[in-house]
Structures are given as C-alpha cells and as structure tokens.
Amino acid sequence: WWRRRFGELEPLPPDQPVQHVCWYE
C-alpha cells in the first residue's frame, strides 16, 4: 500500500492512525 501526501507518493505507514476516511467508511 502507498499513499499520496502533499504531492508525493510514499509507503503507507502501518502504525499511523488512518485518515481521509468518511463517516460511512
């Protein structure tokens, strides 16, 4: 898994809180 953060693609840090999820998710 990767994430795009402020213009850069980086490996998804597994131990950080998930963000950018909506209430339904």
PDB file of all heavy atoms in Angstrom:
ATOM      1  N   TRP A   1       0.834  -1.196   0.000  1.00  0.00           N
ATOM      2  CA  TRP A   1       0.000   0.000   0.000  1.00  0.00           C
ATOM      3  C   TRP A   1       0.874   1.253   0.000  1.00  0.00           C
ATOM      4  O   TRP A   1       1.900   1.317   0.690  1.00  0.00           O
ATOM      5  CB  TRP A   1      -0.911   0.027   1.231  1.00  0.00           C
ATOM      6  CG  TRP A   1      -2.031  -0.967   1.168  1.00  0.00           C
ATOM      7  CD1 TRP A   1      -2.147  -2.145   1.850  1.00  0.00           C
ATOM      8  CD2 TRP A   1      -3.211  -0.851   0.369  1.00  0.00           C
ATOM      9  NE1 TRP A   1      -3.312  -2.777   1.523  1.00  0.00           N
ATOM     10  CE2 TRP A   1      -3.995  -2.015   0.622  1.00  0.00           C
ATOM     11  CE3 TRP A   1      -3.682   0.097  -0.538  1.00  0.00           C
ATOM     12  CZ2 TRP A   1      -5.223  -2.232   0.005  1.00  0.00           C
ATOM     13  CZ3 TRP A   1      -4.908  -0.115  -1.153  1.00  0.00           C
ATOM     14  CH2 TRP A   1      -5.665  -1.268  -0.885  1.00  0.00           C
ATOM     15  N   TRP A   2       0.418   2.229  -0.782  1.00  0.00           N
ATOM     16  CA  TRP A   2       1.058   3.534  -0.849  1.00  0.00           C
ATOM     17  C   TRP A   2       0.004   4.601  -0.571  1.00  0.00           C
ATOM     18  O   TRP A   2      -1.194   4.349  -0.665  1.00  0.00           O
ATOM     19  CB  TRP A   2       1.655   3.770  -2.239  1.00  0.00           C
ATOM     20  CG  TRP A   2       2.675   2.756  -2.639  1.00  0.00           C
ATOM     21  CD1 TRP A   2       2.441   1.469  -3.047  1.00  0.00           C
ATOM     22  CD2 TRP A   2       4.090   2.941  -2.664  1.00  0.00           C
ATOM     23  NE1 TRP A   2       3.615   0.839  -3.325  1.00  0.00           N
ATOM     24  CE2 TRP A   2       4.659   1.719  -3.102  1.00  0.00           C
ATOM     25  CE3 TRP A   2       4.932   4.010  -2.371  1.00  0.00           C
ATOM     26  CZ2 TRP A   2       6.021   1.548  -3.254  1.00  0.00           C
ATOM     27  CZ3 TRP A   2       6.301   3.847  -2.536  1.00  0.00           C
ATOM     28  CH2 TRP A   2       6.832   2.621  -2.958  1.00  0.00           C
ATOM     29  N   ARG A   3       0.489   5.794  -0.250  1.00  0.00           N
ATOM     30  CA  ARG A   3      -0.422   6.935  -0.140  1.00  0.00           C
ATOM     31  C   ARG A   3       0.217   8.147  -0.807  1.00  0.00           C
ATOM     32  O   ARG A   3       1.451   8.267  -0.858  1.00  0.00           O
ATOM     33  CB  ARG A   3      -0.750   7.260   1.320  1.00  0.00           C
ATOM     34  CG  ARG A   3       0.420   7.842   2.118  1.00  0.00           C
ATOM     35  CD  ARG A   3       0.026   8.176   3.542  1.00  0.00           C
ATOM     36  NE  ARG A   3       1.157   8.714   4.295  1.00  0.00           N
ATOM     37  CZ  ARG A   3       1.150   8.956   5.595  1.00  0.00           C
ATOM     38  NH1 ARG A   3       0.047   8.697   6.303  1.00  0.00           N
ATOM     39  NH2 ARG A   3       2.214   9.459   6.208  1.00  0.00           N
ATOM     40  N   ARG A   4      -0.631   9.012  -1.321  1.00  0.00           N
ATOM     41  CA  ARG A   4      -0.162  10.294  -1.851  1.00  0.00           C
ATOM     42  C   ARG A   4      -0.379  11.354  -0.781  1.00  0.00           C
ATOM     43  O   ARG A   4      -1.490  11.536  -0.298  1.00  0.00           O
ATOM     44  CB  ARG A   4      -0.922  10.678  -3.127  1.00  0.00           C
ATOM     45  CG  ARG A   4      -0.401  11.976  -3.754  1.00  0.00           C
ATOM     46  CD  ARG A   4      -1.018  12.230  -5.118  1.00  0.00           C
ATOM     47  NE  ARG A   4      -2.447  12.413  -5.050  1.00  0.00           N
ATOM     48  CZ  ARG A   4      -3.048  13.574  -4.715  1.00  0.00           C
ATOM     49  NH1 ARG A   4      -2.318  14.635  -4.404  1.00  0.00           N
ATOM     50  NH2 ARG A   4      -4.360  13.666  -4.701  1.00  0.00           N
ATOM     51  N   ARG A   5       0.703  12.015  -0.402  1.00  0.00           N
ATOM     52  CA  ARG A   5       0.634  13.016   0.660  1.00  0.00           C
ATOM     53  C   ARG A   5       1.345  14.274   0.197  1.00  0.00           C
ATOM     54  O   ARG A   5       2.549  14.283   0.008  1.00  0.00           O
ATOM     55  CB  ARG A   5       1.251  12.466   1.949  1.00  0.00           C
ATOM     56  CG  ARG A   5       1.124  13.404   3.155  1.00  0.00           C
ATOM     57  CD  ARG A   5       1.551  12.700   4.429  1.00  0.00           C
ATOM     58  NE  ARG A   5       2.958  12.324   4.394  1.00  0.00           N
ATOM     59  CZ  ARG A   5       3.951  13.109   4.824  1.00  0.00           C
ATOM     60  NH1 ARG A   5       3.696  14.317   5.312  1.00  0.00           N
ATOM     61  NH2 ARG A   5       5.201  12.692   4.767  1.00  0.00           N
ATOM     62  N   PHE A   6       0.565  15.334  -0.008  1.00  0.00           N
ATOM     63  CA  PHE A   6       1.105  16.631  -0.421  1.00  0.00           C
ATOM     64  C   PHE A   6       2.026  16.504  -1.625  1.00  0.00           C
ATOM     65  O   PHE A   6       3.127  17.046  -1.661  1.00  0.00           O
ATOM     66  CB  PHE A   6       1.798  17.332   0.747  1.00  0.00           C
ATOM     67  CG  PHE A   6       0.855  17.663   1.867  1.00  0.00           C
ATOM     68  CD1 PHE A   6       0.909  16.974   3.070  1.00  0.00           C
ATOM     69  CD2 PHE A   6      -0.121  18.624   1.697  1.00  0.00           C
ATOM     70  CE1 PHE A   6       0.019  17.269   4.081  1.00  0.00           C
ATOM     71  CE2 PHE A   6      -1.018  18.921   2.710  1.00  0.00           C
ATOM     72  CZ  PHE A   6      -0.947  18.244   3.908  1.00  0.00           C
ATOM     73  N   GLY A   7       1.536  15.747  -2.618  1.00  0.00           N
ATOM     74  CA  GLY A   7       2.222  15.690  -3.897  1.00  0.00           C
ATOM     75  C   GLY A   7       3.240  14.585  -4.042  1.00  0.00           C
ATOM     76  O   GLY A   7       3.824  14.430  -5.122  1.00  0.00           O
ATOM     77  N   GLU A   8       3.483  13.804  -3.005  1.00  0.00           N
ATOM     78  CA  GLU A   8       4.481  12.745  -3.087  1.00  0.00           C
ATOM     79  C   GLU A   8       3.861  11.403  -2.739  1.00  0.00           C
ATOM     80  O   GLU A   8       3.028  11.301  -1.824  1.00  0.00           O
ATOM     81  CB  GLU A   8       5.652  13.024  -2.150  1.00  0.00           C
ATOM     82  CG  GLU A   8       6.451  14.264  -2.548  1.00  0.00           C
ATOM     83  CD  GLU A   8       7.651  14.499  -1.649  1.00  0.00           C
ATOM     84  OE1 GLU A   8       7.804  13.746  -0.657  1.00  0.00           O
ATOM     85  OE2 GLU A   8       8.413  15.432  -1.923  1.00  0.00           O
ATOM     86  N   LEU A   9       4.287  10.359  -3.457  1.00  0.00           N
ATOM     87  CA  LEU A   9       3.838   9.003  -3.188  1.00  0.00           C
ATOM     88  C   LEU A   9       4.818   8.360  -2.222  1.00  0.00           C
ATOM     89  O   LEU A   9       6.038   8.422  -2.424  1.00  0.00           O
ATOM     90  CB  LEU A   9       3.769   8.209  -4.496  1.00  0.00           C
ATOM     91  CG  LEU A   9       2.904   6.944  -4.498  1.00  0.00           C
ATOM     92  CD1 LEU A   9       1.445   7.280  -4.251  1.00  0.00           C
ATOM     93  CD2 LEU A   9       3.061   6.224  -5.833  1.00  0.00           C
ATOM     94  N   GLU A  10       4.300   7.731  -1.164  1.00  0.00           N
ATOM     95  CA  GLU A  10       5.158   7.141  -0.148  1.00  0.00           C
ATOM     96  C   GLU A  10       4.503   5.876   0.394  1.00  0.00           C
ATOM     97  O   GLU A  10       3.275   5.731   0.332  1.00  0.00           O
ATOM     98  CB  GLU A  10       5.407   8.141   0.984  1.00  0.00           C
ATOM     99  CG  GLU A  10       4.149   8.579   1.698  1.00  0.00           C
ATOM    100  CD  GLU A  10       4.381   9.715   2.687  1.00  0.00           C
ATOM    101  OE1 GLU A  10       5.417  10.392   2.596  1.00  0.00           O
ATOM    102  OE2 GLU A  10       3.505   9.927   3.546  1.00  0.00           O
ATOM    103  N   PRO A  11       5.297   4.952   0.928  1.00  0.00           N
ATOM    104  CA  PRO A  11       4.704   3.758   1.532  1.00  0.00           C
ATOM    105  C   PRO A  11       3.753   4.141   2.667  1.00  0.00           C
ATOM    106  O   PRO A  11       4.017   5.073   3.432  1.00  0.00           O
ATOM    107  CB  PRO A  11       5.917   2.980   2.050  1.00  0.00           C
ATOM    108  CG  PRO A  11       7.063   3.468   1.235  1.00  0.00           C
ATOM    109  CD  PRO A  11       6.775   4.909   0.937  1.00  0.00           C
ATOM    110  N   LEU A  12       2.655   3.421   2.768  1.00  0.00           N
ATOM    111  CA  LEU A  12       1.662   3.701   3.807  1.00  0.00           C
ATOM    112  C   LEU A  12       2.216   3.280   5.164  1.00  0.00           C
ATOM    113  O   LEU A  12       2.532   2.100   5.363  1.00  0.00           O
ATOM    114  CB  LEU A  12       0.379   2.936   3.499  1.00  0.00           C
ATOM    115  CG  LEU A  12      -0.799   3.172   4.435  1.00  0.00           C
ATOM    116  CD1 LEU A  12      -1.381   4.569   4.218  1.00  0.00           C
ATOM    117  CD2 LEU A  12      -1.879   2.112   4.213  1.00  0.00           C
ATOM    118  N   PRO A  13       2.366   4.194   6.113  1.00  0.00           N
ATOM    119  CA  PRO A  13       2.886   3.814   7.439  1.00  0.00           C
ATOM    120  C   PRO A  13       1.852   2.973   8.188  1.00  0.00           C
ATOM    121  O   PRO A  13       0.756   3.454   8.484  1.00  0.00           O
ATOM    122  CB  PRO A  13       3.117   5.160   8.132  1.00  0.00           C
ATOM    123  CG  PRO A  13       3.072   6.193   7.044  1.00  0.00           C
ATOM    124  CD  PRO A  13       2.149   5.642   6.008  1.00  0.00           C
ATOM    125  N   PRO A  14       2.152   1.732   8.505  1.00  0.00           N
ATOM    126  CA  PRO A  14       1.119   0.857   9.076  1.00  0.00           C
ATOM    127  C   PRO A  14       0.633   1.260  10.456  1.00  0.00           C
ATOM    128  O   PRO A  14      -0.518   0.986  10.812  1.00  0.00           O
ATOM    129  CB  PRO A  14       1.812  -0.514   9.114  1.00  0.00           C
ATOM    130  CG  PRO A  14       3.276  -0.222   9.114  1.00  0.00           C
ATOM    131  CD  PRO A  14       3.431   1.027   8.303  1.00  0.00           C
ATOM    132  N   ASP A  15       1.501   1.908  11.255  1.00  0.00           N
ATOM    133  CA  ASP A  15       1.132   2.176  12.644  1.00  0.00           C
ATOM    134  C   ASP A  15       0.600   3.586  12.877  1.00  0.00           C
ATOM    135  O   ASP A  15       0.349   3.973  14.018  1.00  0.00           O
ATOM    136  CB  ASP A  15       2.323   1.913  13.578  1.00  0.00           C
ATOM    137  CG  ASP A  15       3.575   2.694  13.185  1.00  0.00           C
ATOM    138  OD1 ASP A  15       3.568   3.344  12.120  1.00  0.00           O
ATOM    139  OD2 ASP A  15       4.561   2.653  13.939  1.00  0.00           O
ATOM    140  N   GLN A  16       0.415   4.361  11.814  1.00  0.00           N
ATOM    141  CA  GLN A  16      -0.233   5.664  11.973  1.00  0.00           C
ATOM    142  C   GLN A  16      -1.750   5.516  11.949  1.00  0.00           C
ATOM    143  O   GLN A  16      -2.281   4.622  11.277  1.00  0.00           O
ATOM    144  CB  GLN A  16       0.184   6.618  10.849  1.00  0.00           C
ATOM    145  CG  GLN A  16       1.591   7.147  10.954  1.00  0.00           C
ATOM    146  CD  GLN A  16       1.887   8.203   9.903  1.00  0.00           C
ATOM    147  OE1 GLN A  16       0.996   8.679   9.190  1.00  0.00           O
ATOM    148  NE2 GLN A  16       3.148   8.580   9.790  1.00  0.00           N
ATOM    149  N   PRO A  17      -2.475   6.404  12.636  1.00  0.00           N
ATOM    150  CA  PRO A  17      -3.930   6.392  12.513  1.00  0.00           C
ATOM    151  C   PRO A  17      -4.362   6.608  11.069  1.00  0.00           C
ATOM    152  O   PRO A  17      -3.792   7.438  10.355  1.00  0.00           O
ATOM    153  CB  PRO A  17      -4.363   7.561  13.401  1.00  0.00           C
ATOM    154  CG  PRO A  17      -3.266   7.704  14.407  1.00  0.00           C
ATOM    155  CD  PRO A  17      -2.011   7.369  13.648  1.00  0.00           C
ATOM    156  N   VAL A  18      -5.337   5.854  10.624  1.00  0.00           N
ATOM    157  CA  VAL A  18      -5.872   6.038   9.288  1.00  0.00           C
ATOM    158  C   VAL A  18      -6.524   7.422   9.217  1.00  0.00           C
ATOM    159  O   VAL A  18      -7.139   7.890  10.183  1.00  0.00           O
ATOM    160  CB  VAL A  18      -6.881   4.921   8.933  1.00  0.00           C
ATOM    161  CG1 VAL A  18      -8.128   4.959   9.816  1.00  0.00           C
ATOM    162  CG2 VAL A  18      -7.266   4.981   7.460  1.00  0.00           C
ATOM    163  N   GLN A  19      -6.372   8.087   8.072  1.00  0.00           N
ATOM    164  CA  GLN A  19      -7.037   9.370   7.873  1.00  0.00           C
ATOM    165  C   GLN A  19      -7.603   9.414   6.458  1.00  0.00           C
ATOM    166  O   GLN A  19      -7.355   8.548   5.635  1.00  0.00           O
ATOM    167  CB  GLN A  19      -6.101  10.539   8.134  1.00  0.00           C
ATOM    168  CG  GLN A  19      -4.939  10.688   7.178  1.00  0.00           C
ATOM    169  CD  GLN A  19      -4.119  11.951   7.431  1.00  0.00           C
ATOM    170  OE1 GLN A  19      -4.491  12.844   8.181  1.00  0.00           O
ATOM    171  NE2 GLN A  19      -2.961  12.028   6.793  1.00  0.00           N
ATOM    172  N   HIS A  20      -8.406  10.457   6.211  1.00  0.00           N
ATOM    173  CA  HIS A  20      -9.109  10.621   4.939  1.00  0.00           C
ATOM    174  C   HIS A  20     -10.120   9.502   4.702  1.00  0.00           C
ATOM    175  O   HIS A  20     -10.264   8.992   3.592  1.00  0.00           O
ATOM    176  CB  HIS A  20      -8.120  10.720   3.773  1.00  0.00           C
ATOM    177  CG  HIS A  20      -7.203  11.896   3.848  1.00  0.00           C
ATOM    178  ND1 HIS A  20      -7.685  13.195   3.918  1.00  0.00           N
ATOM    179  CD2 HIS A  20      -5.850  11.980   3.884  1.00  0.00           C
ATOM    180  CE1 HIS A  20      -6.655  14.026   3.980  1.00  0.00           C
ATOM    181  NE2 HIS A  20      -5.536  13.318   3.969  1.00  0.00           N
ATOM    182  N   VAL A  21     -10.816   9.124   5.778  1.00  0.00           N
ATOM    183  CA  VAL A  21     -11.968   8.237   5.643  1.00  0.00           C
ATOM    184  C   VAL A  21     -13.215   9.031   6.017  1.00  0.00           C
ATOM    185  O   VAL A  21     -13.192   9.884   6.909  1.00  0.00           O
ATOM    186  CB  VAL A  21     -11.869   6.985   6.530  1.00  0.00           C
ATOM    187  CG1 VAL A  21     -10.796   6.047   6.014  1.00  0.00           C
ATOM    188  CG2 VAL A  21     -11.608   7.344   7.986  1.00  0.00           C
ATOM    189  N   CYS A  22     -14.308   8.746   5.323  1.00  0.00           N
ATOM    190  CA  CYS A  22     -15.569   9.407   5.635  1.00  0.00           C
ATOM    191  C   CYS A  22     -16.283   8.651   6.756  1.00  0.00           C
ATOM    192  O   CYS A  22     -15.874   7.562   7.176  1.00  0.00           O
ATOM    193  CB  CYS A  22     -16.447   9.533   4.395  1.00  0.00           C
ATOM    194  SG  CYS A  22     -17.193   7.994   3.807  1.00  0.00           S
ATOM    195  N   TRP A  23     -17.373   9.230   7.231  1.00  0.00           N
ATOM    196  CA  TRP A  23     -18.131   8.612   8.326  1.00  0.00           C
ATOM    197  C   TRP A  23     -18.645   7.238   7.921  1.00  0.00           C
ATOM    198  O   TRP A  23     -18.597   6.292   8.713  1.00  0.00           O
ATOM    199  CB  TRP A  23     -19.293   9.519   8.716  1.00  0.00           C
ATOM    200  CG  TRP A  23     -20.064   9.026   9.908  1.00  0.00           C
ATOM    201  CD1 TRP A  23     -19.820   9.324  11.226  1.00  0.00           C
ATOM    202  CD2 TRP A  23     -21.193   8.130   9.913  1.00  0.00           C
ATOM    203  NE1 TRP A  23     -20.723   8.678  12.042  1.00  0.00           N
ATOM    204  CE2 TRP A  23     -21.579   7.940  11.257  1.00  0.00           C
ATOM    205  CE3 TRP A  23     -21.911   7.493   8.906  1.00  0.00           C
ATOM    206  CZ2 TRP A  23     -22.658   7.129  11.621  1.00  0.00           C
ATOM    207  CZ3 TRP A  23     -22.981   6.674   9.262  1.00  0.00           C
ATOM    208  CH2 TRP A  23     -23.350   6.498  10.602  1.00  0.00           C
ATOM    209  N   TYR A  24     -19.126   7.101   6.696  1.00  0.00           N
ATOM    210  CA  TYR A  24     -19.661   5.822   6.248  1.00  0.00           C
ATOM    211  C   TYR A  24     -18.579   4.733   6.264  1.00  0.00           C
ATOM    212  O   TYR A  24     -18.852   3.573   6.607  1.00  0.00           O
ATOM    213  CB  TYR A  24     -20.243   5.944   4.847  1.00  0.00           C
ATOM    214  CG  TYR A  24     -21.537   6.718   4.772  1.00  0.00           C
ATOM    215  CD1 TYR A  24     -21.680   7.791   3.882  1.00  0.00           C
ATOM    216  CD2 TYR A  24     -22.626   6.368   5.570  1.00  0.00           C
ATOM    217  CE1 TYR A  24     -22.870   8.487   3.801  1.00  0.00           C
ATOM    218  CE2 TYR A  24     -23.824   7.077   5.495  1.00  0.00           C
ATOM    219  CZ  TYR A  24     -23.938   8.133   4.601  1.00  0.00           C
ATOM    220  OH  TYR A  24     -25.119   8.820   4.523  1.00  0.00           O
ATOM    221  N   GLU A  25     -17.366   5.085   5.874  1.00  0.00           N
ATOM    222  CA  GLU A  25     -16.267   4.119   5.897  1.00  0.00           C
ATOM    223  C   GLU A  25     -15.926   3.723   7.333  1.00  0.00           C
ATOM    224  O   GLU A  25     -15.693   2.538   7.629  1.00  0.00           O
ATOM    225  CB  GLU A  25     -15.047   4.701   5.192  1.00  0.00           C
ATOM    226  CG  GLU A  25     -15.222   4.859   3.688  1.00  0.00           C
ATOM    227  CD  GLU A  25     -14.129   5.686   3.057  1.00  0.00           C
ATOM    228  OE1 GLU A  25     -14.010   6.882   3.399  1.00  0.00           O
ATOM    229  OE2 GLU A  25     -13.388   5.133   2.211  1.00  0.00           O
TER     230      GLU A  25
END
